[in-house]
N, C-alpha and C. Protein backbone atom coordinates (compact mmCIF):
# COMPACT_ATOMS: atom_id res chain seq x y z
N UNK A 1 -10.14 -4.42 2.09
CA UNK A 1 -9.77 -3.37 2.98
C UNK A 1 -8.99 -3.10 4.01
N UNK A 2 -8.14 -2.45 3.86
CA UNK A 2 -7.22 -2.08 5.28
C UNK A 2 -8.28 -1.55 6.11
N UNK A 3 -8.40 -1.90 7.44
CA UNK A 3 -8.77 -1.32 8.59
C UNK A 3 -7.94 -0.54 9.76
N UNK A 4 -7.53 0.33 9.93
CA UNK A 4 -6.99 0.82 10.96
C UNK A 4 -7.60 0.95 12.18
N UNK A 5 -6.89 0.55 13.40
CA UNK A 5 -7.61 0.67 14.53
C UNK A 5 -6.94 1.36 15.66
N UNK A 6 -6.59 2.21 16.65
CA UNK A 6 -6.40 2.69 17.61
C UNK A 6 -7.06 2.74 18.87
N UNK A 7 -6.79 2.24 20.07
CA UNK A 7 -7.54 2.66 20.67
C UNK A 7 -6.61 3.39 21.91
N UNK A 8 -7.37 4.32 23.00
CA UNK A 8 -6.16 4.99 24.40
C UNK A 8 -7.08 3.70 25.24
N UNK A 9 -5.97 3.97 26.21
CA UNK A 9 -5.72 3.15 27.28
C UNK A 9 -7.17 2.68 28.14
N UNK A 10 -8.02 4.03 28.42
CA UNK A 10 -8.94 3.92 28.56
C UNK A 10 -10.05 3.37 27.78
N UNK A 11 -9.95 3.08 26.46
CA UNK A 11 -10.89 2.65 25.42
C UNK A 11 -10.82 1.04 25.30
N UNK A 12 -9.50 0.47 25.64
CA UNK A 12 -8.81 -1.15 25.74
C UNK A 12 -9.92 -1.75 25.59
N UNK A 13 -10.89 -1.68 26.50
CA UNK A 13 -11.72 -2.95 26.73
C UNK A 13 -13.26 -2.56 25.53
N UNK A 14 -13.24 -1.46 25.65
CA UNK A 14 -14.17 -0.82 24.51
C UNK A 14 -13.95 -1.86 23.20
N UNK A 15 -12.62 -1.48 22.75
CA UNK A 15 -12.30 -2.18 21.16
C UNK A 15 -12.50 -3.37 21.25
N UNK A 16 -11.98 -4.13 21.80
CA UNK A 16 -12.01 -5.51 22.57
C UNK A 16 -13.15 -6.18 22.17
N UNK A 17 -13.90 -5.17 23.19
CA UNK A 17 -15.82 -5.86 22.92
C UNK A 17 -15.98 -5.71 21.28
N UNK A 18 -15.57 -4.63 21.05
CA UNK A 18 -16.29 -4.06 19.49
C UNK A 18 -15.69 -4.94 18.69
N UNK A 19 -14.51 -5.49 18.62
CA UNK A 19 -13.83 -6.78 17.44
C UNK A 19 -14.24 -7.77 17.62
N UNK A 20 -14.89 -8.53 18.99
CA UNK A 20 -15.40 -9.48 19.33
C UNK A 20 -16.37 -9.71 18.51
N UNK A 21 -17.21 -8.15 18.96
CA UNK A 21 -19.08 -8.37 18.28
C UNK A 21 -19.06 -8.35 16.72
N UNK A 22 -17.77 -7.99 16.50
CA UNK A 22 -17.85 -7.65 14.52
C UNK A 22 -16.90 -8.48 13.87
N UNK A 23 -15.80 -9.92 14.83
CA UNK A 23 -14.79 -10.57 14.33
C UNK A 23 -15.27 -11.32 13.50
N UNK A 24 -16.19 -11.48 12.61
CA UNK A 24 -16.64 -11.91 11.25
C UNK A 24 -16.50 -10.73 10.21
N UNK A 25 -17.06 -9.57 9.99
CA UNK A 25 -16.83 -8.89 9.64
C UNK A 25 -15.25 -8.33 9.39
N UNK A 26 -14.47 -8.35 10.87
CA UNK A 26 -13.09 -8.33 10.26
C UNK A 26 -12.20 -9.19 9.93
N UNK A 27 -12.81 -10.21 9.80
CA UNK A 27 -12.07 -11.43 9.49
C UNK A 27 -11.69 -11.31 7.98
N UNK A 28 -12.62 -10.75 7.51
CA UNK A 28 -12.33 -10.48 5.91
C UNK A 28 -11.40 -9.65 4.88
N UNK A 29 -11.07 -8.79 6.50
CA UNK A 29 -10.38 -7.90 5.56
C UNK A 29 -9.10 -7.76 6.42
N UNK A 30 -7.85 -6.66 6.52
CA UNK A 30 -6.75 -6.71 7.23
C UNK A 30 -6.70 -5.67 7.96
N UNK A 31 -6.27 -6.48 8.83
CA UNK A 31 -6.78 -4.96 10.43
C UNK A 31 -5.29 -4.57 11.03
N UNK A 32 -5.04 -3.56 10.63
CA UNK A 32 -3.73 -2.65 11.40
C UNK A 32 -3.98 -1.94 12.88
N UNK A 33 -3.02 -2.21 13.44
CA UNK A 33 -3.00 -1.52 14.90
C UNK A 33 -2.11 -0.97 15.41
N UNK A 34 -2.02 -0.22 16.34
CA UNK A 34 -0.68 0.17 17.24
C UNK A 34 -0.84 -1.06 18.04
N UNK A 35 0.60 -1.04 18.79
CA UNK A 35 1.40 -2.27 19.38
C UNK A 35 0.51 -2.98 20.14
N UNK A 36 -0.05 -2.17 21.23
CA UNK A 36 -1.26 -2.84 22.49
C UNK A 36 -2.28 -2.81 21.98
N UNK A 37 -2.93 -2.32 21.24
CA UNK A 37 -4.36 -2.55 20.72
C UNK A 37 -4.25 -3.30 20.16
N UNK A 38 -3.48 -3.75 18.98
CA UNK A 38 -3.31 -5.38 18.05
C UNK A 38 -2.88 -6.02 18.74
N UNK A 39 -2.41 -6.14 19.71
CA UNK A 39 -2.35 -7.48 20.82
C UNK A 39 -3.18 -7.72 21.45
N UNK A 40 -4.03 -6.41 22.00
CA UNK A 40 -5.58 -6.93 22.58
C UNK A 40 -6.36 -7.07 21.69
N UNK A 41 -6.66 -6.99 21.05
CA UNK A 41 -7.42 -7.44 20.05
C UNK A 41 -7.42 -8.93 18.92
N UNK A 42 -6.23 -9.33 19.20
CA UNK A 42 -5.59 -10.23 18.78
C UNK A 42 -6.09 -11.50 19.41
N UNK A 43 -5.68 -10.82 21.22
CA UNK A 43 -5.92 -12.23 22.14
C UNK A 43 -7.44 -12.14 22.37
N UNK A 44 -7.84 -11.20 22.38
CA UNK A 44 -9.40 -11.44 22.58
C UNK A 44 -10.04 -12.50 21.28
N UNK A 45 -9.75 -12.15 20.46
CA UNK A 45 -10.28 -12.62 18.99
C UNK A 45 -9.91 -13.51 17.95
N UNK A 46 -8.80 -13.67 18.37
CA UNK A 46 -7.68 -14.55 17.37
C UNK A 46 -7.84 -14.38 15.74
N UNK A 47 -7.92 -13.02 15.47
CA UNK A 47 -7.44 -12.53 14.23
C UNK A 47 -6.12 -12.44 14.38
N UNK A 48 -5.79 -11.89 12.83
CA UNK A 48 -4.46 -11.39 12.90
C UNK A 48 -4.35 -9.93 12.72
N UNK A 49 -3.49 -9.40 13.27
CA UNK A 49 -3.54 -7.85 13.50
C UNK A 49 -2.19 -7.78 12.85
N UNK A 50 -1.92 -6.44 12.07
CA UNK A 50 -0.73 -6.03 11.47
C UNK A 50 -0.42 -5.12 13.00
N UNK A 51 0.43 -5.11 13.67
CA UNK A 51 1.08 -4.20 14.73
C UNK A 51 2.01 -3.15 13.99
N UNK A 52 1.68 -2.09 14.79
CA UNK A 52 2.39 -0.96 14.46
C UNK A 52 3.15 -1.30 16.23
N UNK A 53 4.21 0.07 16.18
CA UNK A 53 4.60 0.36 17.44
C UNK A 53 3.70 0.52 18.48
N UNK A 54 4.07 0.81 19.92
CA UNK A 54 2.68 1.00 20.84
C UNK A 54 2.69 2.83 20.28
N UNK A 55 1.80 3.29 20.35
CA UNK A 55 1.37 4.29 20.26
C UNK A 55 2.62 5.26 20.63
N UNK A 56 2.47 5.18 21.87
CA UNK A 56 3.27 6.62 22.82
C UNK A 56 4.74 6.28 22.07
N UNK A 57 5.63 5.27 21.26
CA UNK A 57 6.96 5.25 20.99
C UNK A 57 6.70 5.18 19.60
N UNK A 58 6.21 5.89 18.65
CA UNK A 58 6.46 6.20 17.45
C UNK A 58 5.06 5.20 16.47
N UNK A 59 4.14 4.36 17.21
CA UNK A 59 3.00 3.63 16.25
C UNK A 59 2.10 4.64 15.65
N UNK A 60 1.90 5.75 16.55
CA UNK A 60 1.01 6.44 16.12
C UNK A 60 1.66 6.96 14.52
N UNK A 61 3.05 7.45 14.69
CA UNK A 61 3.49 7.92 13.44
C UNK A 61 3.55 6.74 12.16
N UNK A 62 3.58 5.84 12.54
CA UNK A 62 3.29 4.71 11.76
C UNK A 62 2.37 4.83 10.83
N UNK A 63 1.22 4.91 12.14
CA UNK A 63 0.13 4.31 11.22
C UNK A 63 -0.38 6.25 10.86
N UNK A 64 0.04 7.53 11.09
CA UNK A 64 -0.21 8.08 9.85
C UNK A 64 0.27 8.55 9.04
N UNK A 65 1.70 7.70 8.76
CA UNK A 65 2.05 7.32 7.49
C UNK A 65 1.39 6.72 6.12
N UNK A 66 0.65 5.33 7.18
CA UNK A 66 -0.62 4.58 6.22
C UNK A 66 -1.17 5.78 5.71
N UNK A 67 -1.97 6.01 6.85
CA UNK A 67 -3.11 6.98 5.94
C UNK A 67 -2.57 8.00 5.30
N UNK A 68 -1.66 8.84 5.08
CA UNK A 68 -1.22 9.65 4.71
C UNK A 68 -0.84 8.94 2.89
N UNK A 69 -0.27 8.06 2.94
CA UNK A 69 -0.06 7.04 1.66
C UNK A 69 -1.30 6.37 1.40
N UNK A 70 -2.72 6.64 1.83
CA UNK A 70 -4.30 6.32 1.91
C UNK A 70 -4.13 4.76 1.43
N UNK A 71 -3.20 4.28 2.19
CA UNK A 71 -2.72 2.53 2.73
C UNK A 71 -4.27 1.81 3.85
N UNK A 72 -4.87 2.81 4.33
CA UNK A 72 -6.24 2.60 5.27
C UNK A 72 -7.54 3.22 4.36
N UNK A 73 -8.71 1.87 4.68
CA UNK A 73 -9.45 2.40 4.02
C UNK A 73 -10.59 3.11 5.21
N UNK A 74 -10.40 2.71 6.31
CA UNK A 74 -11.54 3.27 7.28
C UNK A 74 -10.19 3.16 8.62
N UNK A 75 -10.93 4.02 9.42
CA UNK A 75 -10.04 4.30 10.91
C UNK A 75 -11.22 4.18 12.12
N UNK A 76 -11.07 3.32 12.83
CA UNK A 76 -11.84 3.35 14.37
C UNK A 76 -10.61 3.64 15.21
N UNK A 77 -11.39 4.88 16.12
CA UNK A 77 -9.98 5.61 16.81
C UNK A 77 -10.94 5.60 18.25
N UNK A 78 -11.18 5.17 19.09
CA UNK A 78 -11.62 5.38 20.18
C UNK A 78 -10.40 5.92 21.16
N UNK A 79 -11.04 6.71 21.48
CA UNK A 79 -10.41 8.15 22.65
C UNK A 79 -11.18 8.43 23.81
N UNK A 80 -10.72 8.71 24.98
CA UNK A 80 -11.47 9.61 25.67
C UNK A 80 -11.62 11.01 25.76
N UNK A 81 -12.96 11.59 25.47
CA UNK A 81 -12.40 13.10 24.93
C UNK A 81 -12.06 14.05 26.17
N UNK A 82 -12.08 13.49 27.44
CA UNK A 82 -12.13 14.30 28.78
C UNK A 82 -10.86 14.14 29.41
N UNK A 83 -10.17 13.67 28.53
CA UNK A 83 -8.91 13.16 29.54
C UNK A 83 -7.65 12.79 28.32
N UNK A 84 -7.11 13.84 28.43
CA UNK A 84 -6.14 13.80 26.89
C UNK A 84 -4.78 13.91 27.80
N UNK A 85 -3.92 12.68 27.26
CA UNK A 85 -2.84 12.53 27.60
C UNK A 85 -2.25 12.66 26.72
N UNK A 86 -0.49 13.53 26.90
CA UNK A 86 0.19 13.77 25.58
C UNK A 86 1.06 12.05 25.55
N UNK A 87 1.26 11.27 26.10
CA UNK A 87 1.45 10.02 25.81
C UNK A 87 0.70 9.30 24.86
N UNK A 88 -0.60 9.53 24.32
CA UNK A 88 -1.37 8.57 23.77
C UNK A 88 -1.79 9.58 22.45
N UNK A 89 -1.88 8.74 21.27
CA UNK A 89 -1.92 9.15 19.93
C UNK A 89 -2.45 10.29 19.66
N UNK A 90 -2.00 11.48 19.10
CA UNK A 90 -2.42 12.84 18.55
C UNK A 90 -4.02 12.52 17.45
N UNK A 91 -5.16 12.41 18.42
CA UNK A 91 -6.35 12.05 17.83
C UNK A 91 -6.48 13.38 16.51
N UNK A 92 -5.98 14.16 16.96
CA UNK A 92 -6.94 15.71 16.43
C UNK A 92 -5.68 15.54 15.00
N UNK A 93 -4.63 14.94 14.96
CA UNK A 93 -4.05 15.01 13.61
C UNK A 93 -4.22 13.59 12.90
N UNK A 94 -4.79 12.88 13.47
CA UNK A 94 -5.08 11.70 12.87
C UNK A 94 -6.36 12.17 11.78
N UNK A 95 -7.63 12.49 12.61
CA UNK A 95 -8.46 12.66 12.22
C UNK A 95 -8.58 13.67 11.14
N UNK A 96 -7.70 14.95 11.00
CA UNK A 96 -7.64 15.61 9.96
C UNK A 96 -7.27 15.24 8.94
N UNK A 97 -6.08 14.33 8.75
CA UNK A 97 -5.28 13.40 7.74
C UNK A 97 -6.49 12.66 7.17
N UNK A 98 -7.32 11.76 8.26
CA UNK A 98 -8.23 11.44 7.31
C UNK A 98 -9.37 11.82 6.54
N UNK A 99 -10.04 12.95 6.91
CA UNK A 99 -10.54 14.12 6.58
C UNK A 99 -9.53 14.34 5.46
N UNK A 100 -8.61 15.11 4.94
CA UNK A 100 -7.61 15.71 3.95
C UNK A 100 -7.57 14.16 2.57
N UNK A 101 -7.65 12.85 3.18
CA UNK A 101 -7.36 11.90 2.38
C UNK A 101 -8.54 10.96 1.87
N UNK A 102 -9.89 12.06 2.51
CA UNK A 102 -11.21 11.09 2.24
C UNK A 102 -11.42 9.66 3.08
N UNK A 103 -10.49 9.69 4.20
CA UNK A 103 -10.78 7.83 4.43
C UNK A 103 -11.75 8.31 6.00
N UNK A 104 -13.19 7.00 5.86
CA UNK A 104 -14.07 7.34 6.78
C UNK A 104 -13.30 7.04 8.28
N UNK A 105 -13.70 7.47 9.00
CA UNK A 105 -12.85 7.60 10.58
C UNK A 105 -14.16 7.65 11.67
N UNK A 106 -14.20 6.91 12.36
CA UNK A 106 -14.99 7.00 13.54
C UNK A 106 -14.26 7.32 14.90
N UNK A 107 -15.07 7.92 15.73
CA UNK A 107 -13.98 8.01 17.16
C UNK A 107 -14.85 7.96 18.56
N UNK A 108 -16.33 6.78 17.98
CA UNK A 108 -17.07 6.55 18.98
C UNK A 108 -17.53 5.21 18.52
N UNK A 109 -18.10 4.76 19.61
CA UNK A 109 -18.47 3.14 19.01
C UNK A 109 -19.76 3.16 18.15
N UNK A 110 -20.79 4.25 18.14
CA UNK A 110 -21.79 4.51 17.56
C UNK A 110 -21.38 4.95 15.92
N UNK A 111 -20.68 5.23 15.75
CA UNK A 111 -20.23 5.66 14.50
C UNK A 111 -19.20 4.66 13.91
N UNK A 112 -18.35 3.48 14.96
CA UNK A 112 -17.83 2.95 14.33
C UNK A 112 -18.62 1.83 14.17
N UNK A 113 -19.99 1.41 14.60
CA UNK A 113 -20.92 0.44 14.66
C UNK A 113 -21.47 0.59 12.71
N UNK A 114 -21.95 2.19 12.63
CA UNK A 114 -22.48 2.22 11.10
C UNK A 114 -21.29 1.95 10.49
N UNK A 115 -20.02 2.13 10.31
CA UNK A 115 -18.89 2.34 9.39
C UNK A 115 -18.60 0.60 9.31
N UNK A 116 -18.66 -0.21 10.48
CA UNK A 116 -18.32 -1.34 9.87
C UNK A 116 -19.30 -2.33 9.01
N UNK A 117 -20.84 -1.83 9.68
CA UNK A 117 -22.15 -2.81 9.16
C UNK A 117 -21.90 -2.19 7.29
N UNK A 118 -21.89 -0.57 7.28
CA UNK A 118 -21.85 0.04 6.26
C UNK A 118 -20.63 -0.74 5.46
N UNK A 119 -19.28 -1.44 5.88
CA UNK A 119 -18.13 -2.12 5.39
C UNK A 119 -19.04 -4.06 4.78
N UNK A 120 -19.59 -4.09 5.56
CA UNK A 120 -20.25 -5.76 5.71
C UNK A 120 -21.17 -5.28 4.44
N UNK A 121 -21.72 -4.33 4.02
CA UNK A 121 -22.93 -4.34 2.95
C UNK A 121 -22.20 -3.87 1.58
N UNK A 122 -20.80 -3.16 1.55
CA UNK A 122 -20.41 -3.05 0.36
C UNK A 122 -20.60 -1.62 0.40
N UNK A 123 -20.69 -0.53 1.20
CA UNK A 123 -20.92 0.75 1.25
C UNK A 123 -19.60 1.88 0.99
N UNK A 124 -18.39 0.72 1.46
CA UNK A 124 -17.42 1.53 1.23
C UNK A 124 -16.48 0.92 0.08
N UNK A 125 -17.31 -0.11 -0.67
CA UNK A 125 -16.43 -0.13 -1.89
C UNK A 125 -16.01 0.56 -2.88
N UNK A 126 -16.37 1.86 -2.94
CA UNK A 126 -15.90 3.00 -3.56
C UNK A 126 -14.17 2.80 -3.50
N UNK A 127 -13.74 3.08 -2.24
CA UNK A 127 -12.46 2.98 -1.91
C UNK A 127 -11.53 1.92 -2.81
N UNK A 128 -12.34 1.07 -3.29
CA UNK A 128 -11.47 0.18 -3.53
C UNK A 128 -11.13 0.84 -5.24
N UNK A 129 -11.77 1.59 -5.69
CA UNK A 129 -11.54 2.53 -6.93
C UNK A 129 -10.53 3.49 -6.78
N UNK A 130 -10.23 4.02 -5.82
CA UNK A 130 -8.94 4.81 -5.66
C UNK A 130 -7.27 3.97 -5.48
N UNK A 131 -7.58 2.73 -5.75
CA UNK A 131 -6.35 2.38 -5.60
C UNK A 131 -5.73 1.96 -7.18
């Protein structure tokens, strides 16, 4: 399956830790991420990550296009809800688009862990029927 990952600057360490913890699950799937996030995940885990441009210079739009084509099966999107920065990807737009296309999306570590463990159990295999 194709997993999309975005993390705002204040959540980069958290996404690295998450990916280290769930490296064995992530390794069985294709991981897509905005530029800096993808690079940091690769450096922290050794996993191959398909990288878009950095979010602030168009990576969020590339990410959104993949969502609209329904080419992502799950999205993990860590952001700081108290610190909205116009240079960061538009969380609301991405979440709305995921909802529109029935793509499971996690915006915090608790939900991300539920999704990644569900992925490992096969709970998201229904996404394969959409392709």
